[in-house]
Amino acid sequence: MSINILYFGMLAEISGQAKESFPGKENMTVKDLKEQLFEKYPQLREKKFKVAINQKIGDDGMIIPSSAEIALLPPFAGG
């Protein structure tokens, strides 16, 4: 299973890239993915961000479908 991850704003700066293909596993949750990302990019742990799965905001318990597109979204400023 492979997951496509899109990084935006400061999260792209931390990862050093705007997108990445990431190995996943069956029944992987958003929380599982976050833990793997925190291991790979420890600075992400200090940042607030939301996770969108196939363009919908997900919570930590959501299962990530195979071939999902994940977007890590930092807080946005503005009105």
Foldseek 3Di string as FASTA:
>chain_A
DKEKEAEDDVRCVQVVHGIDIDDDDPQQFQLNVVVVVCVVRVVVVVADWFKAWQNHTDDRNDGHDPHIYIYTGGDDDDD
